Amino acid sequence: MKRLQWPRWMPVDPYILLLLGTVGLAALIPARGAGADIASGASTGAIAFLFFLYGARLSTREAMDGLKHWRLHVTVLACTFVVFPLLGLAFRGFVPVLLTEPLYQGLLFLTLVPSTIQSSIAFTSIARGNVPAAICAGSFSSLAGIVLTPLLAAALLGGSGGGFSGGSVGKIVVQLLVPFVAGQVVRRWIGGFVARHRKVLGLVDRGSILLVVYTAFSEGMVRGIWHQVSAARLGGLLVVEALLLAVMLGLSWYGAKALGFGRGDRIAIQFAGSKKSLAAGLPMASVLFGAQASLAVLPLMLFHQMQLMVCAVIAKRRSRDAEVRAEAAVVDRGGRSRAGVG
């Protein structure tokens, strides 16, 4: 039986429909109480399983090569903690035309948050980029954010600033590093099986992102932060954030090209260098903004949803481009072979 495929002429990617459906589900039936705990636990488990599979699939040599790719990591850190904050400062010009002062403070705060890990790696994998480098770049960004985000927030937001606790570092280690190392340990026994069943890894990639979207949007619905800003201001915020994301996606992609990085590295830089972590930002905001934290994280929550949806489209396009290039290379080699025979 022939497998049904999404028509190529359709303007909407099916995965975007899944993301929108997940947002709609969270709006109609947000996770509350025990349900929120279950959703959070499921998301954590999916992400841990994702890293276990990456560890089982990647050879130790590939992982070490990614770790040694210091130019890429410096580029991602510069995007996350230098370029993003500079743009945040420049965007103060949108106050009060498009943004209120509290919304701008939230926007500036989101530019100081470290990059995501799981979604950056997932999209890099979908786009067929340098996954080992993306793993290291995202992890380095999160660890650097433990120190840099509180310092930048204290300097630019004028507050006392707050930081992550030692337990937060332990959470990163337990949720990400331990599963990856476990995958590396058992790779000699299950690595071949994982390599032959890449669709399983793809399902975990997409499924983990859907769980993160549902959990994050549910929390926003439960907190009621969507009712604390007018529709006009919300529209203005979305316009500003779309501009911010577009600028960062362009700078990270073409800037990496100007620095001489190859296609796989450029993909890792674009996805790791253009994202902001909601998971890291929420606890930080509660310390920095106190009672106003719910409104302050609104820009971060909206940006988080936007970056997932936009990057899902980009990742799929990069994947199709890779397929076209691979097919062209095969055709070219076949033509040369026939020419040699003739």
Protein backbone atom coordinates (compact mmCIF):
# COMPACT_ATOMS: atom_id res chain seq x y z
CA MET A 1 0.00 0.00 0.00
CA LYS A 2 1.34 3.39 -0.97
CA ARG A 3 1.99 5.69 1.97
CA LEU A 4 0.04 8.95 1.96
CA GLN A 5 2.22 12.03 1.62
CA TRP A 6 1.51 15.70 2.24
CA PRO A 7 1.06 17.44 -1.15
CA ARG A 8 4.12 19.50 -2.03
CA TRP A 9 1.96 22.31 -3.37
CA MET A 10 0.29 22.92 0.00
CA PRO A 11 1.57 26.23 1.48
CA VAL A 12 1.41 25.06 5.12
CA ASP A 13 3.83 22.52 6.50
CA PRO A 14 1.96 19.69 8.30
CA TYR A 15 4.24 20.01 11.31
CA ILE A 16 3.22 23.66 11.66
CA LEU A 17 -0.40 22.49 11.76
CA LEU A 18 0.57 20.13 14.56
CA LEU A 19 2.24 22.99 16.45
CA LEU A 20 -0.80 25.23 15.99
CA GLY A 21 -3.05 22.38 17.04
CA THR A 22 -0.95 21.89 20.17
CA VAL A 23 -1.24 25.60 21.02
CA GLY A 24 -4.99 25.41 20.47
CA LEU A 25 -5.22 22.36 22.71
CA ALA A 26 -3.30 24.17 25.46
CA ALA A 27 -5.62 27.18 25.11
CA LEU A 28 -8.75 25.04 25.35
CA ILE A 29 -7.51 22.40 27.79
CA PRO A 30 -4.42 23.71 29.61
CA ALA A 31 -2.60 21.35 31.92
CA ARG A 32 -3.44 22.18 35.54
CA GLY A 33 -2.42 20.74 38.87
CA ALA A 34 -1.58 17.08 38.56
CA GLY A 35 -2.07 17.30 34.80
CA ALA A 36 0.62 20.00 34.60
CA ASP A 37 2.96 17.79 36.60
CA ILE A 38 2.30 14.89 34.24
CA ALA A 39 2.86 17.07 31.14
CA SER A 40 6.08 18.47 32.58
CA GLY A 41 7.29 14.99 33.48
CA ALA A 42 6.45 13.68 30.02
CA SER A 43 8.33 16.56 28.42
CA THR A 44 11.34 15.95 30.63
CA GLY A 45 11.28 12.24 29.85
CA ALA A 46 11.00 12.84 26.10
CA ILE A 47 13.96 15.22 26.14
CA ALA A 48 16.04 12.78 28.20
CA PHE A 49 15.17 9.97 25.76
CA LEU A 50 16.11 12.25 22.86
CA PHE A 51 19.58 12.78 24.31
CA PHE A 52 19.94 9.08 25.02
CA LEU A 53 19.25 8.34 21.35
CA TYR A 54 21.72 11.01 20.24
CA GLY A 55 24.34 9.47 22.49
CA ALA A 56 23.61 6.02 21.07
CA ARG A 57 23.79 7.27 17.49
CA LEU A 58 26.86 9.52 17.65
CA SER A 59 30.30 8.01 17.83
CA THR A 60 32.59 9.21 20.60
CA ARG A 61 34.91 10.64 17.96
CA GLU A 62 32.06 12.73 16.50
CA ALA A 63 31.17 14.01 19.96
CA MET A 64 34.76 15.03 20.67
CA ASP A 65 35.02 16.74 17.29
CA GLY A 66 31.95 18.76 18.19
CA LEU A 67 33.47 19.69 21.55
CA LYS A 68 36.67 20.90 19.90
CA HIS A 69 34.83 23.15 17.44
CA TRP A 70 35.60 26.25 19.51
CA ARG A 71 35.05 28.82 16.73
CA LEU A 72 31.47 27.64 16.34
CA HIS A 73 30.83 27.78 20.09
CA VAL A 74 32.27 31.30 20.37
CA THR A 75 30.06 32.39 17.47
CA VAL A 76 26.92 31.00 19.14
CA LEU A 77 27.83 32.59 22.47
CA ALA A 78 28.41 35.94 20.72
CA CYS A 79 24.99 35.71 19.06
CA THR A 80 23.30 34.81 22.35
CA PHE A 81 24.97 37.16 24.81
CA VAL A 82 26.27 40.03 22.64
CA VAL A 83 24.23 40.52 19.48
CA PHE A 84 20.86 39.70 21.06
CA PRO A 85 21.30 42.16 23.99
CA LEU A 86 22.52 44.91 21.62
CA LEU A 87 19.40 44.47 19.52
CA GLY A 88 17.33 44.51 22.69
CA LEU A 89 18.80 47.88 23.66
CA ALA A 90 18.24 49.24 20.15
CA PHE A 91 14.60 48.14 20.19
CA ARG A 92 13.83 50.60 23.00
CA GLY A 93 12.97 52.92 20.13
CA PHE A 94 9.67 51.03 19.81
CA VAL A 95 8.53 52.47 23.18
CA PRO A 96 5.81 53.79 23.42
CA VAL A 97 4.69 53.39 19.80
CA LEU A 98 4.46 49.60 19.80
CA LEU A 99 5.54 48.58 23.29
CA THR A 100 4.75 49.67 26.82
CA GLU A 101 7.63 50.02 29.26
CA PRO A 102 6.82 46.72 31.08
CA LEU A 103 6.62 44.86 27.76
CA TYR A 104 9.92 46.36 26.69
CA GLN A 105 11.53 45.24 29.95
CA GLY A 106 10.29 41.74 29.20
CA LEU A 107 11.62 41.99 25.63
CA LEU A 108 15.03 43.11 26.86
CA PHE A 109 15.00 40.29 29.40
CA LEU A 110 14.40 37.66 26.71
CA THR A 111 17.48 38.86 24.81
CA LEU A 112 19.60 38.02 27.87
CA VAL A 113 18.39 34.43 28.30
CA PRO A 114 20.61 31.54 27.11
CA SER A 115 19.87 29.52 24.01
CA THR A 116 17.66 26.46 23.97
CA ILE A 117 19.23 23.02 23.88
CA GLN A 118 16.68 20.42 22.87
CA SER A 119 14.88 22.33 20.11
CA SER A 120 18.14 23.65 18.63
CA ILE A 121 19.50 20.13 18.40
CA ALA A 122 16.21 18.73 17.11
CA PHE A 123 15.98 21.30 14.32
CA THR A 124 19.66 20.89 13.47
CA SER A 125 19.06 17.16 13.15
CA ILE A 126 15.97 17.65 10.97
CA ALA A 127 17.90 20.06 8.73
CA ARG A 128 20.83 17.62 8.52
CA GLY A 129 23.30 19.97 10.15
CA ASN A 130 26.19 19.41 12.55
CA VAL A 131 24.36 17.74 15.46
CA PRO A 132 27.43 17.09 17.69
CA ALA A 133 28.38 20.77 17.49
CA ALA A 134 24.78 21.81 18.20
CA ILE A 135 24.71 19.62 21.31
CA CYS A 136 27.88 21.22 22.65
CA ALA A 137 26.91 24.75 21.60
CA GLY A 138 23.50 24.55 23.28
CA SER A 139 24.98 23.04 26.44
CA PHE A 140 27.74 25.66 26.60
CA SER A 141 25.17 28.43 26.18
CA SER A 142 23.04 27.11 29.04
CA LEU A 143 26.03 26.75 31.34
CA ALA A 144 27.34 30.21 30.42
CA GLY A 145 23.89 31.64 31.06
CA ILE A 146 24.10 30.56 34.68
CA VAL A 147 26.63 33.36 35.14
CA LEU A 148 26.12 35.74 32.20
CA THR A 149 22.34 36.12 32.28
CA PRO A 150 22.15 37.37 35.91
CA LEU A 151 25.07 39.75 35.33
CA LEU A 152 23.59 41.16 32.13
CA ALA A 153 20.15 41.45 33.72
CA ALA A 154 21.55 43.32 36.72
CA ALA A 155 23.45 45.70 34.42
CA LEU A 156 20.80 46.34 31.75
CA LEU A 157 17.55 46.01 33.70
CA GLY A 158 18.76 47.96 36.72
CA GLY A 159 17.67 45.27 39.16
CA SER A 160 19.63 43.32 41.66
CA GLY A 161 19.55 40.24 39.45
CA GLY A 162 19.32 36.67 40.40
CA GLY A 163 20.93 33.46 39.38
CA PHE A 164 20.38 29.80 39.04
CA SER A 165 20.83 27.56 42.04
CA GLY A 166 23.16 24.63 42.21
CA GLY A 167 20.11 22.45 41.74
CA SER A 168 19.54 24.01 38.32
CA VAL A 169 23.01 22.96 37.23
CA GLY A 170 22.30 19.49 38.53
CA LYS A 171 19.06 19.43 36.53
CA ILE A 172 20.96 20.18 33.31
CA VAL A 173 23.40 17.40 34.10
CA VAL A 174 20.73 14.85 35.00
CA GLN A 175 18.32 15.65 32.16
CA LEU A 176 20.81 16.13 29.33
CA LEU A 177 24.34 14.99 30.05
CA VAL A 178 23.60 11.76 31.90
CA PRO A 179 21.26 10.35 29.18
CA PHE A 180 23.76 11.31 26.47
CA VAL A 181 26.63 9.60 28.30
CA ALA A 182 24.41 6.56 28.91
CA GLY A 183 23.71 6.41 25.18
CA GLN A 184 27.43 6.58 24.49
CA VAL A 185 28.06 3.71 26.92
CA VAL A 186 25.51 1.38 25.33
CA ARG A 187 26.20 2.53 21.77
CA ARG A 188 28.32 -0.53 21.00
CA TRP A 189 25.24 -2.72 21.55
CA ILE A 190 22.35 -0.60 20.22
CA GLY A 191 24.06 1.94 17.95
CA GLY A 192 23.37 -0.11 14.82
CA PHE A 193 19.70 -0.53 15.71
CA VAL A 194 19.27 3.22 16.26
CA ALA A 195 21.03 4.01 12.98
CA ARG A 196 18.68 1.69 11.09
CA HIS A 197 15.60 3.25 12.68
CA ARG A 198 16.19 6.97 12.21
CA LYS A 199 12.44 7.58 11.97
CA VAL A 200 12.21 6.82 15.67
CA LEU A 201 14.67 9.62 16.37
CA GLY A 202 12.66 11.93 14.11
CA LEU A 203 9.47 11.17 16.04
CA VAL A 204 11.22 11.95 19.33
CA ASP A 205 12.58 15.20 17.83
CA ARG A 206 9.13 16.43 16.87
CA GLY A 207 7.29 14.92 19.80
CA SER A 208 9.56 16.53 22.39
CA ILE A 209 9.00 19.96 20.82
CA LEU A 210 5.22 19.48 20.82
CA LEU A 211 5.34 18.54 24.51
CA VAL A 212 7.43 21.63 25.32
CA VAL A 213 4.98 23.86 23.41
CA TYR A 214 1.97 22.39 25.20
CA THR A 215 3.56 22.61 28.64
CA ALA A 216 4.78 26.19 28.16
CA PHE A 217 1.54 27.52 26.66
CA SER A 218 -0.53 25.77 29.33
CA GLU A 219 1.46 27.52 32.03
CA GLY A 220 0.78 30.86 30.39
CA MET A 221 -2.95 30.12 30.22
CA VAL A 222 -3.10 29.03 33.85
CA ARG A 223 -1.22 32.13 35.00
CA GLY A 224 -3.60 34.32 33.01
CA ILE A 225 -0.84 36.47 31.57
CA TRP A 226 -2.61 36.68 28.20
CA HIS A 227 -5.32 38.88 29.77
CA GLN A 228 -2.90 41.49 31.14
CA VAL A 229 -2.18 43.20 27.84
CA SER A 230 -4.46 44.69 25.18
CA ALA A 231 -4.86 43.20 21.73
CA ALA A 232 -3.19 46.23 20.13
CA ARG A 233 -0.12 45.99 22.38
CA LEU A 234 0.01 42.24 21.85
CA GLY A 235 0.04 42.82 18.10
CA GLY A 236 2.80 45.39 18.44
CA LEU A 237 4.85 42.98 20.53
CA LEU A 238 4.44 40.24 17.93
CA VAL A 239 5.63 42.60 15.18
CA VAL A 240 8.71 43.59 17.17
CA GLU A 241 9.53 39.98 18.05
CA ALA A 242 9.09 38.86 14.45
CA LEU A 243 11.58 41.53 13.44
CA LEU A 244 14.00 40.45 16.19
CA LEU A 245 13.80 36.80 15.13
CA ALA A 246 14.19 37.63 11.45
CA VAL A 247 17.28 39.74 12.13
CA MET A 248 18.89 37.04 14.25
CA LEU A 249 18.11 34.27 11.77
CA GLY A 250 19.64 36.34 8.99
CA LEU A 251 22.70 37.44 10.96
CA SER A 252 23.45 33.95 12.26
CA TRP A 253 23.09 32.34 8.80
CA TYR A 254 24.91 34.87 6.63
CA GLY A 255 27.34 35.88 9.36
CA ALA A 256 28.41 32.25 9.73
CA LYS A 257 28.91 32.10 5.97
CA ALA A 258 31.08 35.22 6.08
CA LEU A 259 33.17 33.60 8.82
CA GLY A 260 33.86 30.63 6.55
CA PHE A 261 31.71 27.96 8.19
CA GLY A 262 30.37 25.07 6.10
CA ARG A 263 26.70 24.25 5.58
CA GLY A 264 26.39 21.84 8.53
CA ASP A 265 28.02 24.31 10.92
CA ARG A 266 25.92 27.21 9.61
CA ILE A 267 22.77 25.24 10.37
CA ALA A 268 23.92 24.57 13.93
CA ILE A 269 24.86 28.24 14.40
CA GLN A 270 21.57 29.50 13.01
CA PHE A 271 19.40 27.32 15.20
CA ALA A 272 21.49 27.60 18.38
CA GLY A 273 22.28 31.29 17.91
CA SER A 274 18.75 32.54 17.18
CA LYS A 275 16.79 30.91 20.02
CA LYS A 276 16.00 31.70 23.63
CA SER A 277 15.21 29.20 26.37
CA LEU A 278 11.86 29.46 28.11
CA ALA A 279 12.87 26.81 30.65
CA ALA A 280 15.88 28.88 31.73
CA GLY A 281 14.04 32.21 31.57
CA LEU A 282 11.02 31.43 33.75
CA PRO A 283 12.84 30.79 37.07
CA MET A 284 15.12 33.75 36.40
CA ALA A 285 12.16 36.06 35.78
CA SER A 286 10.55 35.09 39.08
CA VAL A 287 13.66 36.34 40.90
CA LEU A 288 14.20 39.49 38.81
CA PHE A 289 10.62 40.72 38.52
CA GLY A 290 8.84 39.29 41.56
CA ALA A 291 5.07 39.90 41.33
CA GLN A 292 5.44 41.25 37.76
CA ALA A 293 7.13 38.09 36.53
CA SER A 294 4.04 36.79 34.70
CA LEU A 295 3.86 39.87 32.46
CA ALA A 296 7.63 40.06 32.11
CA VAL A 297 7.83 36.55 30.65
CA LEU A 298 5.05 37.21 28.11
CA PRO A 299 7.55 38.37 25.45
CA LEU A 300 9.72 35.31 26.11
CA MET A 301 6.77 32.92 25.92
CA LEU A 302 5.54 34.42 22.63
CA PHE A 303 9.05 34.47 21.19
CA HIS A 304 9.49 30.86 22.23
CA GLN A 305 6.39 29.77 20.31
CA MET A 306 7.34 31.90 17.31
CA GLN A 307 10.88 30.56 17.08
CA LEU A 308 9.66 26.96 17.19
CA MET A 309 7.17 27.49 14.38
CA VAL A 310 9.48 29.50 12.14
CA CYS A 311 12.46 27.21 12.69
CA ALA A 312 10.31 24.15 11.98
CA VAL A 313 9.68 25.53 8.47
CA ILE A 314 13.34 26.44 7.98
CA ALA A 315 14.53 23.02 9.17
CA LYS A 316 12.22 21.23 6.76
CA ARG A 317 13.43 23.40 3.89
CA ARG A 318 17.07 22.78 4.78
CA SER A 319 16.31 19.05 4.85
CA ARG A 320 14.73 19.16 1.39
CA ASP A 321 17.69 21.18 0.10
CA ALA A 322 20.04 18.49 1.44
CA GLU A 323 18.01 15.81 -0.33
CA VAL A 324 18.13 17.71 -3.62
CA ARG A 325 21.89 18.19 -3.30
CA ALA A 326 22.41 14.51 -2.54
CA GLU A 327 20.32 13.50 -5.56
CA ALA A 328 22.20 15.95 -7.78
CA ALA A 329 25.52 14.56 -6.56
CA VAL A 330 24.41 11.02 -7.39
CA VAL A 331 23.30 12.08 -10.86
CA ASP A 332 26.56 13.96 -11.41
CA ARG A 333 28.64 10.96 -10.38
CA GLY A 334 26.59 8.72 -12.64
CA GLY A 335 27.10 11.06 -15.57
CA ARG A 336 30.82 11.19 -15.03
CA SER A 337 30.95 7.41 -14.77
CA ARG A 338 29.14 6.98 -18.08
CA ALA A 339 31.39 9.59 -19.69
CA GLY A 340 34.42 7.69 -18.48
CA VAL A 341 33.08 4.45 -19.91
CA GLY A 342 32.33 6.08 -23.25
